[in-house]
PDB file of N, CA and C in Angstrom:
ATOM      1  N   MET A   1      41.465  88.767 178.622  1.00  0.00           N
ATOM      2  CA  MET A   1      42.342  89.664 179.167  1.00  0.00           C
ATOM      3  C   MET A   1      43.799  89.490 178.715  1.00  0.00           C
ATOM      4  N   MET A   2      44.421  90.565 178.207  1.00  0.00           N
ATOM      5  CA  MET A   2      45.792  90.588 177.665  1.00  0.00           C
ATOM      6  C   MET A   2      46.863  90.748 178.871  1.00  0.00           C
ATOM      7  N   MET A   3      47.773  89.948 178.792  1.00  0.00           N
ATOM      8  CA  MET A   3      48.777  90.193 179.842  1.00  0.00           C
ATOM      9  C   MET A   3      50.093  90.828 179.187  1.00  0.00           C
ATOM     10  N   ARG A   4      50.630  91.805 179.865  1.00  0.00           N
ATOM     11  CA  ARG A   4      51.901  92.511 179.336  1.00  0.00           C
ATOM     12  C   ARG A   4      52.900  92.108 180.268  1.00  0.00           C
ATOM     13  N   LEU A   5      54.071  91.641 179.617  1.00  0.00           N
ATOM     14  CA  LEU A   5      55.185  91.441 180.374  1.00  0.00           C
ATOM     15  C   LEU A   5      56.183  92.413 180.248  1.00  0.00           C
ATOM     16  N   VAL A   6      56.846  92.859 181.416  1.00  0.00           N
ATOM     17  CA  VAL A   6      57.829  93.951 181.452  1.00  0.00           C
ATOM     18  C   VAL A   6      59.210  93.411 181.910  1.00  0.00           C
ATOM     19  N   ASP A   7      60.150  93.731 181.148  1.00  0.00           N
ATOM     20  CA  ASP A   7      61.636  93.248 181.565  1.00  0.00           C
ATOM     21  C   ASP A   7      62.126  94.358 182.489  1.00  0.00           C
ATOM     22  N   PRO A   8      62.321  94.006 183.810  1.00  0.00           N
ATOM     23  CA  PRO A   8      62.832  95.005 184.779  1.00  0.00           C
ATOM     24  C   PRO A   8      64.303  95.370 184.531  1.00  0.00           C
ATOM     25  N   SER A   9      64.978  94.582 183.709  1.00  0.00           N
ATOM     26  CA  SER A   9      66.504  95.049 183.386  1.00  0.00           C
ATOM     27  C   SER A   9      66.566  95.953 182.226  1.00  0.00           C
ATOM     28  N   ALA A  10      65.412  96.170 181.501  1.00  0.00           N
ATOM     29  CA  ALA A  10      65.459  97.104 180.335  1.00  0.00           C
ATOM     30  C   ALA A  10      65.599  98.528 180.755  1.00  0.00           C
ATOM     31  N   GLU A  11      66.034  99.365 179.843  1.00  0.00           N
ATOM     32  CA  GLU A  11      66.170 100.888 180.121  1.00  0.00           C
ATOM     33  C   GLU A  11      64.826 101.506 180.290  1.00  0.00           C
ATOM     34  N   SER A  12      64.701 102.292 181.218  1.00  0.00           N
ATOM     35  CA  SER A  12      63.453 102.988 181.487  1.00  0.00           C
ATOM     36  C   SER A  12      63.071 104.174 180.499  1.00  0.00           C
ATOM     37  N   ARG A  13      61.904 104.130 180.094  1.00  0.00           N
ATOM     38  CA  ARG A  13      61.545 105.248 179.149  1.00  0.00           C
ATOM     39  C   ARG A  13      61.185 106.512 180.046  1.00  0.00           C
ATOM     40  N   MET A  14      61.131 106.363 181.266  1.00  0.00           N
ATOM     41  CA  MET A  14      60.809 107.643 182.184  1.00  0.00           C
ATOM     42  C   MET A  14      62.010 108.470 182.241  1.00  0.00           C
ATOM     43  N   ASP A  15      63.171 108.005 181.839  1.00  0.00           N
ATOM     44  CA  ASP A  15      64.371 108.926 181.845  1.00  0.00           C
ATOM     45  C   ASP A  15      64.112 110.106 180.862  1.00  0.00           C
ATOM     46  N   ALA A  16      63.315 109.913 179.852  1.00  0.00           N
ATOM     47  CA  ALA A  16      63.064 110.964 178.902  1.00  0.00           C
ATOM     48  C   ALA A  16      62.231 112.017 179.374  1.00  0.00           C
ATOM     49  N   HIS A  17      61.530 111.885 180.514  1.00  0.00           N
ATOM     50  CA  HIS A  17      60.664 112.796 181.092  1.00  0.00           C
ATOM     51  C   HIS A  17      61.351 113.619 182.208  1.00  0.00           C
ATOM     52  N   ARG A  18      60.903 114.921 182.292  1.00  0.00           N
ATOM     53  CA  ARG A  18      61.458 115.873 183.351  1.00  0.00           C
ATOM     54  C   ARG A  18      60.396 116.423 184.095  1.00  0.00           C
ATOM     55  N   THR A  19      60.666 116.796 185.303  1.00  0.00           N
ATOM     56  CA  THR A  19      59.635 117.463 186.112  1.00  0.00           C
ATOM     57  C   THR A  19      59.527 118.981 185.621  1.00  0.00           C
ATOM     58  N   ALA A  20      58.428 119.523 185.799  1.00  0.00           N
ATOM     59  CA  ALA A  20      58.332 120.989 185.476  1.00  0.00           C
ATOM     60  C   ALA A  20      59.223 121.793 186.352  1.00  0.00           C
ATOM     61  N   PRO A  21      59.654 123.003 185.826  1.00  0.00           N
ATOM     62  CA  PRO A  21      60.459 123.831 186.740  1.00  0.00           C
ATOM     63  C   PRO A  21      59.578 124.432 187.860  1.00  0.00           C
ATOM     64  N   ARG A  22      60.333 124.642 189.006  1.00  0.00           N
ATOM     65  CA  ARG A  22      59.610 125.217 190.097  1.00  0.00           C
ATOM     66  C   ARG A  22      59.137 126.726 189.723  1.00  0.00           C
ATOM     67  N   LEU A  23      58.025 127.081 190.383  1.00  0.00           N
ATOM     68  CA  LEU A  23      57.505 128.369 190.124  1.00  0.00           C
ATOM     69  C   LEU A  23      58.173 129.252 191.027  1.00  0.00           C
ATOM     70  N   ALA A  24      58.695 130.430 190.561  1.00  0.00           N
ATOM     71  CA  ALA A  24      59.491 131.363 191.343  1.00  0.00           C
ATOM     72  C   ALA A  24      58.540 132.076 192.430  1.00  0.00           C
ATOM     73  N   ASP A  25      57.361 132.265 192.184  1.00  0.00           N
ATOM     74  CA  ASP A  25      56.339 132.870 193.081  1.00  0.00           C
ATOM     75  C   ASP A  25      54.983 132.457 192.815  1.00  0.00           C
ATOM     76  N   LEU A  26      54.189 132.289 193.751  1.00  0.00           N
ATOM     77  CA  LEU A  26      52.754 131.801 193.592  1.00  0.00           C
ATOM     78  C   LEU A  26      51.859 132.805 193.726  1.00  0.00           C
ATOM     79  N   GLU A  27      52.262 134.116 193.876  1.00  0.00           N
ATOM     80  CA  GLU A  27      51.301 135.227 194.151  1.00  0.00           C
ATOM     81  C   GLU A  27      50.393 135.475 192.937  1.00  0.00           C
ATOM     82  N   GLY A  28      49.134 135.390 193.159  1.00  0.00           N
ATOM     83  CA  GLY A  28      48.150 135.617 192.148  1.00  0.00           C
ATOM     84  C   GLY A  28      48.011 134.720 190.923  1.00  0.00           C
ATOM     85  N   LEU A  29      48.654 133.453 191.123  1.00  0.00           N
ATOM     86  CA  LEU A  29      48.550 132.510 189.934  1.00  0.00           C
ATOM     87  C   LEU A  29      47.168 131.917 189.922  1.00  0.00           C
ATOM     88  N   ARG A  30      46.880 131.185 188.737  1.00  0.00           N
ATOM     89  CA  ARG A  30      45.629 130.589 188.589  1.00  0.00           C
ATOM     90  C   ARG A  30      45.871 129.134 188.901  1.00  0.00           C
ATOM     91  N   ILE A  31      44.935 128.465 189.616  1.00  0.00           N
ATOM     92  CA  ILE A  31      45.133 127.007 189.996  1.00  0.00           C
ATOM     93  C   ILE A  31      44.110 126.235 189.265  1.00  0.00           C
ATOM     94  N   GLY A  32      44.546 125.309 188.413  1.00  0.00           N
ATOM     95  CA  GLY A  32      43.604 124.378 187.819  1.00  0.00           C
ATOM     96  C   GLY A  32      43.460 123.182 188.790  1.00  0.00           C
ATOM     97  N   LEU A  33      42.360 122.548 188.849  1.00  0.00           N
ATOM     98  CA  LEU A  33      42.023 121.460 189.733  1.00  0.00           C
ATOM     99  C   LEU A  33      41.559 120.327 188.934  1.00  0.00           C
ATOM    100  N   LEU A  34      42.058 119.086 189.176  1.00  0.00           N
ATOM    101  CA  LEU A  34      41.787 117.931 188.474  1.00  0.00           C
ATOM    102  C   LEU A  34      41.383 116.816 189.415  1.00  0.00           C
ATOM    103  N   GLY A  35      40.177 116.339 189.432  1.00  0.00           N
ATOM    104  CA  GLY A  35      39.748 115.243 190.290  1.00  0.00           C
ATOM    105  C   GLY A  35      39.647 113.990 189.477  1.00  0.00           C
ATOM    106  N   ASN A  36      39.428 112.833 190.233  1.00  0.00           N
ATOM    107  CA  ASN A  36      39.293 111.614 189.576  1.00  0.00           C
ATOM    108  C   ASN A  36      38.039 110.866 189.945  1.00  0.00           C
ATOM    109  N   ARG A  37      37.073 111.553 190.455  1.00  0.00           N
ATOM    110  CA  ARG A  37      35.766 111.189 190.719  1.00  0.00           C
ATOM    111  C   ARG A  37      35.607 110.161 192.070  1.00  0.00           C
ATOM    112  N   LYS A  38      36.776 110.007 192.697  1.00  0.00           N
ATOM    113  CA  LYS A  38      36.706 109.260 193.901  1.00  0.00           C
ATOM    114  C   LYS A  38      36.163 110.066 195.002  1.00  0.00           C
ATOM    115  N   ILE A  39      35.669 109.302 195.996  1.00  0.00           N
ATOM    116  CA  ILE A  39      34.996 109.999 197.168  1.00  0.00           C
ATOM    117  C   ILE A  39      35.985 110.873 197.877  1.00  0.00           C
ATOM    118  N   ASN A  40      35.653 112.058 198.262  1.00  0.00           N
ATOM    119  CA  ASN A  40      36.456 113.069 198.829  1.00  0.00           C
ATOM    120  C   ASN A  40      37.621 113.787 198.122  1.00  0.00           C
ATOM    121  N   ALA A  41      37.824 113.326 196.768  1.00  0.00           N
ATOM    122  CA  ALA A  41      38.896 113.966 196.082  1.00  0.00           C
ATOM    123  C   ALA A  41      38.527 115.442 195.877  1.00  0.00           C
ATOM    124  N   ASP A  42      37.335 115.730 195.536  1.00  0.00           N
ATOM    125  CA  ASP A  42      36.898 117.163 195.404  1.00  0.00           C
ATOM    126  C   ASP A  42      37.116 117.915 196.589  1.00  0.00           C
ATOM    127  N   VAL A  43      36.772 117.441 197.836  1.00  0.00           N
ATOM    128  CA  VAL A  43      37.035 118.111 199.071  1.00  0.00           C
ATOM    129  C   VAL A  43      38.451 118.372 199.309  1.00  0.00           C
ATOM    130  N   LEU A  44      39.251 117.358 199.153  1.00  0.00           N
ATOM    131  CA  LEU A  44      40.705 117.574 199.299  1.00  0.00           C
ATOM    132  C   LEU A  44      41.229 118.667 198.363  1.00  0.00           C
ATOM    133  N   LEU A  45      40.837 118.637 197.108  1.00  0.00           N
ATOM    134  CA  LEU A  45      41.202 119.605 196.059  1.00  0.00           C
ATOM    135  C   LEU A  45      40.793 121.014 196.453  1.00  0.00           C
ATOM    136  N   ARG A  46      39.546 121.218 196.877  1.00  0.00           N
ATOM    137  CA  ARG A  46      39.016 122.487 197.216  1.00  0.00           C
ATOM    138  C   ARG A  46      39.684 122.972 198.451  1.00  0.00           C
ATOM    139  N   GLU A  47      39.833 122.148 199.406  1.00  0.00           N
ATOM    140  CA  GLU A  47      40.506 122.707 200.659  1.00  0.00           C
ATOM    141  C   GLU A  47      41.943 123.122 200.522  1.00  0.00           C
ATOM    142  N   THR A  48      42.659 122.324 199.756  1.00  0.00           N
ATOM    143  CA  THR A  48      44.055 122.626 199.415  1.00  0.00           C
ATOM    144  C   THR A  48      44.180 123.981 198.557  1.00  0.00           C
ATOM    145  N   ALA A  49      43.289 124.112 197.575  1.00  0.00           N
ATOM    146  CA  ALA A  49      43.255 125.364 196.685  1.00  0.00           C
ATOM    147  C   ALA A  49      42.896 126.483 197.614  1.00  0.00           C
ATOM    148  N   ALA A  50      42.038 126.379 198.590  1.00  0.00           N
ATOM    149  CA  ALA A  50      41.628 127.448 199.490  1.00  0.00           C
ATOM    150  C   ALA A  50      42.907 127.875 200.254  1.00  0.00           C
ATOM    151  N   LEU A  51      43.738 127.076 200.604  1.00  0.00           N
ATOM    152  CA  LEU A  51      45.011 127.533 201.312  1.00  0.00           C
ATOM    153  C   LEU A  51      45.858 128.274 200.419  1.00  0.00           C
ATOM    154  N   PHE A  52      46.068 127.898 199.165  1.00  0.00           N
ATOM    155  CA  PHE A  52      46.797 128.656 198.256  1.00  0.00           C
ATOM    156  C   PHE A  52      46.154 130.086 197.977  1.00  0.00           C
ATOM    157  N   GLU A  53      44.831 130.036 197.962  1.00  0.00           N
ATOM    158  CA  GLU A  53      44.110 131.353 197.746  1.00  0.00           C
ATOM    159  C   GLU A  53      44.183 132.240 198.750  1.00  0.00           C
ATOM    160  N   SER A  54      44.104 131.820 200.065  1.00  0.00           N
ATOM    161  CA  SER A  54      44.235 132.575 201.185  1.00  0.00           C
ATOM    162  C   SER A  54      45.735 133.157 201.532  1.00  0.00           C
ATOM    163  N   ARG A  55      46.714 132.283 201.202  1.00  0.00           N
ATOM    164  CA  ARG A  55      48.002 132.525 201.545  1.00  0.00           C
ATOM    165  C   ARG A  55      48.747 133.254 200.447  1.00  0.00           C
ATOM    166  N   HIS A  56      48.337 132.979 199.175  1.00  0.00           N
ATOM    167  CA  HIS A  56      49.100 133.560 198.114  1.00  0.00           C
ATOM    168  C   HIS A  56      48.312 134.474 197.074  1.00  0.00           C
ATOM    169  N   GLY A  57      46.944 134.633 197.367  1.00  0.00           N
ATOM    170  CA  GLY A  57      46.135 135.345 196.461  1.00  0.00           C
ATOM    171  C   GLY A  57      45.899 134.631 195.078  1.00  0.00           C
ATOM    172  N   CYS A  58      45.948 133.340 195.109  1.00  0.00           N
ATOM    173  CA  CYS A  58      45.722 132.608 193.839  1.00  0.00           C
ATOM    174  C   CYS A  58      44.226 132.562 193.525  1.00  0.00           C
ATOM    175  N   ARG A  59      44.056 132.493 192.281  1.00  0.00           N
ATOM    176  CA  ARG A  59      42.683 132.361 191.805  1.00  0.00           C
ATOM    177  C   ARG A  59      42.361 130.905 191.476  1.00  0.00           C
ATOM    178  N   VAL A  60      41.361 130.268 192.116  1.00  0.00           N
ATOM    179  CA  VAL A  60      41.024 128.885 191.803  1.00  0.00           C
ATOM    180  C   VAL A  60      39.980 128.774 190.609  1.00  0.00           C
ATOM    181  N   LEU A  61      40.489 127.923 189.726  1.00  0.00           N
ATOM    182  CA  LEU A  61      39.472 127.737 188.561  1.00  0.00           C
ATOM    183  C   LEU A  61      38.534 126.599 188.766  1.00  0.00           C
ATOM    184  N   ALA A  62      37.582 126.401 188.027  1.00  0.00           N
ATOM    185  CA  ALA A  62      36.575 125.345 188.219  1.00  0.00           C
ATOM    186  C   ALA A  62      37.163 124.003 188.263  1.00  0.00           C
ATOM    187  N   LEU A  63      36.677 123.150 189.045  1.00  0.00           N
ATOM    188  CA  LEU A  63      37.131 121.814 189.232  1.00  0.00           C
ATOM    189  C   LEU A  63      36.811 120.931 187.972  1.00  0.00           C
ATOM    190  N   GLU A  64      37.782 120.303 187.354  1.00  0.00           N
ATOM    191  CA  GLU A  64      37.634 119.485 186.270  1.00  0.00           C
ATOM    192  C   GLU A  64      37.716 118.007 186.706  1.00  0.00           C
ATOM    193  N   GLU A  65      37.076 117.142 186.107  1.00  0.00           N
ATOM    194  CA  GLU A  65      37.096 115.741 186.611  1.00  0.00           C
ATOM    195  C   GLU A  65      37.428 114.755 185.326  1.00  0.00           C
ATOM    196  N   LYS A  66      38.271 113.885 185.539  1.00  0.00           N
ATOM    197  CA  LYS A  66      38.558 112.946 184.505  1.00  0.00           C
ATOM    198  C   LYS A  66      37.506 111.813 184.640  1.00  0.00           C
ATOM    199  N   ASP A  67      37.273 111.030 183.694  1.00  0.00           N
ATOM    200  CA  ASP A  67      36.117 109.985 183.669  1.00  0.00           C
ATOM    201  C   ASP A  67      36.306 108.928 184.586  1.00  0.00           C
ATOM    202  N   HIS A  68      37.549 108.521 184.924  1.00  0.00           N
ATOM    203  CA  HIS A  68      37.590 107.276 185.735  1.00  0.00           C
ATOM    204  C   HIS A  68      38.950 107.372 186.462  1.00  0.00           C
ATOM    205  N   ALA A  69      39.027 106.960 187.736  1.00  0.00           N
ATOM    206  CA  ALA A  69      40.247 107.009 188.566  1.00  0.00           C
ATOM    207  C   ALA A  69      41.326 106.073 188.004  1.00  0.00           C
ATOM    208  N   GLY A  70      41.016 105.024 187.336  1.00  0.00           N
ATOM    209  CA  GLY A  70      41.908 104.124 186.774  1.00  0.00           C
ATOM    210  C   GLY A  70      42.383 104.366 185.450  1.00  0.00           C
ATOM    211  N   LYS A  71      41.969 105.455 184.835  1.00  0.00           N
ATOM    212  CA  LYS A  71      42.480 105.762 183.382  1.00  0.00           C
ATOM    213  C   LYS A  71      43.182 107.115 183.491  1.00  0.00           C
ATOM    214  N   PRO A  72      44.076 107.317 182.496  1.00  0.00           N
ATOM    215  CA  PRO A  72      44.779 108.658 182.454  1.00  0.00           C
ATOM    216  C   PRO A  72      43.772 109.692 181.981  1.00  0.00           C
ATOM    217  N   CYS A  73      44.273 110.936 182.309  1.00  0.00           N
ATOM    218  CA  CYS A  73      43.294 112.062 181.945  1.00  0.00           C
ATOM    219  C   CYS A  73      43.467 112.309 180.379  1.00  0.00           C
ATOM    220  N   PRO A  74      42.363 112.460 179.640  1.00  0.00           N
ATOM    221  CA  PRO A  74      42.533 112.762 178.186  1.00  0.00           C
ATOM    222  C   PRO A  74      43.298 113.936 177.921  1.00  0.00           C
ATOM    223  N   PRO A  75      44.217 113.702 176.922  1.00  0.00           N
ATOM    224  CA  PRO A  75      45.100 114.889 176.602  1.00  0.00           C
ATOM    225  C   PRO A  75      44.476 116.143 176.261  1.00  0.00           C
ATOM    226  N   ASP A  76      43.253 116.156 175.706  1.00  0.00           N
ATOM    227  CA  ASP A  76      42.546 117.382 175.313  1.00  0.00           C
ATOM    228  C   ASP A  76      42.123 118.110 176.610  1.00  0.00           C
ATOM    229  N   LEU A  77      41.701 117.414 177.550  1.00  0.00           N
ATOM    230  CA  LEU A  77      41.297 117.910 178.844  1.00  0.00           C
ATOM    231  C   LEU A  77      42.566 118.564 179.602  1.00  0.00           C
ATOM    232  N   LEU A  78      43.659 117.872 179.518  1.00  0.00           N
ATOM    233  CA  LEU A  78      44.937 118.415 180.229  1.00  0.00           C
ATOM    234  C   LEU A  78      45.360 119.633 179.395  1.00  0.00           C
ATOM    235  N   ALA A  79      45.261 119.706 178.016  1.00  0.00           N
ATOM    236  CA  ALA A  79      45.652 120.912 177.271  1.00  0.00           C
ATOM    237  C   ALA A  79      44.668 122.014 177.604  1.00  0.00           C
ATOM    238  N   CYS A  80      43.475 121.834 177.793  1.00  0.00           N
ATOM    239  CA  CYS A  80      42.538 122.787 178.216  1.00  0.00           C
ATOM    240  C   CYS A  80      42.876 123.422 179.630  1.00  0.00           C
ATOM    241  N   ILE A  81      43.102 122.583 180.556  1.00  0.00           N
ATOM    242  CA  ILE A  81      43.461 123.178 181.811  1.00  0.00           C
ATOM    243  C   ILE A  81      44.692 123.886 181.800  1.00  0.00           C
ATOM    244  N   ALA A  82      45.692 123.288 181.098  1.00  0.00           N
ATOM    245  CA  ALA A  82      46.990 124.025 180.994  1.00  0.00           C
ATOM    246  C   ALA A  82      46.917 125.409 180.308  1.00  0.00           C
ATOM    247  N   SER A  83      46.012 125.512 179.393  1.00  0.00           N
ATOM    248  CA  SER A  83      45.901 126.813 178.729  1.00  0.00           C
ATOM    249  C   SER A  83      45.303 127.890 179.594  1.00  0.00           C
ATOM    250  N   GLU A  84      44.531 127.453 180.652  1.00  0.00           N
ATOM    251  CA  GLU A  84      43.841 128.372 181.561  1.00  0.00           C
ATOM    252  C   GLU A  84      44.463 128.574 182.935  1.00  0.00           C
ATOM    253  N   SER A  85      45.500 127.759 183.225  1.00  0.00           N
ATOM    254  CA  SER A  85      45.961 127.735 184.570  1.00  0.00           C
ATOM    255  C   SER A  85      47.447 127.937 184.536  1.00  0.00           C
ATOM    256  N   ASP A  86      48.014 128.359 185.772  1.00  0.00           N
ATOM    257  CA  ASP A  86      49.458 128.429 185.877  1.00  0.00           C
ATOM    258  C   ASP A  86      50.076 127.276 186.553  1.00  0.00           C
ATOM    259  N   PHE A  87      49.205 126.463 187.309  1.00  0.00           N
ATOM    260  CA  PHE A  87      49.664 125.258 187.878  1.00  0.00           C
ATOM    261  C   PHE A  87      48.477 124.386 188.219  1.00  0.00           C
ATOM    262  N   LEU A  88      48.588 123.014 188.340  1.00  0.00           N
ATOM    263  CA  LEU A  88      47.558 122.222 188.605  1.00  0.00           C
ATOM    264  C   LEU A  88      47.658 121.425 189.909  1.00  0.00           C
ATOM    265  N   ILE A  89      46.559 121.236 190.547  1.00  0.00           N
ATOM    266  CA  ILE A  89      46.523 120.342 191.768  1.00  0.00           C
ATOM    267  C   ILE A  89      45.626 119.148 191.441  1.00  0.00           C
ATOM    268  N   THR A  90      46.068 118.026 191.617  1.00  0.00           N
ATOM    269  CA  THR A  90      45.263 116.790 191.387  1.00  0.00           C
ATOM    270  C   THR A  90      45.275 116.013 192.669  1.00  0.00           C
ATOM    271  N   ALA A  91      44.236 115.128 192.851  1.00  0.00           N
ATOM    272  CA  ALA A  91      44.153 114.377 193.950  1.00  0.00           C
ATOM    273  C   ALA A  91      43.385 113.174 193.832  1.00  0.00           C
ATOM    274  N   ALA A  92      43.551 112.108 194.654  1.00  0.00           N
ATOM    275  CA  ALA A  92      42.894 110.947 194.691  1.00  0.00           C
ATOM    276  C   ALA A  92      42.061 110.795 195.885  1.00  0.00           C
ATOM    277  N   GLY A  93      40.875 110.451 196.021  1.00  0.00           N
ATOM    278  CA  GLY A  93      40.063 110.372 197.146  1.00  0.00           C
ATOM    279  C   GLY A  93      40.084 108.963 197.772  1.00  0.00           C
ATOM    280  N   ASP A  94      39.203 108.809 198.714  1.00  0.00           N
ATOM    281  CA  ASP A  94      38.910 107.590 199.435  1.00  0.00           C
ATOM    282  C   ASP A  94      39.400 107.861 200.832  1.00  0.00           C
TER     283      ASP A  94
END
């Protein structure tokens, strides 16, 4: 097992990232769903998406799942979801 040491006094690389701009309106948007294969993540995603569907007329796309909860989502899967949806909901179960 490899150990990675991190210098807490070093400049953060997170400063280079920005949050996405807020959506002006949710009406009729397409929702991408990304689960992590943990118990109840799919239930939480579908129930949350159903609220957006009923309150804002959103269209819920098929649930996509990444391979493992402890690993990042593959870039190609994220790109595919991004090309088909207006925003994404993701959840962790348990």
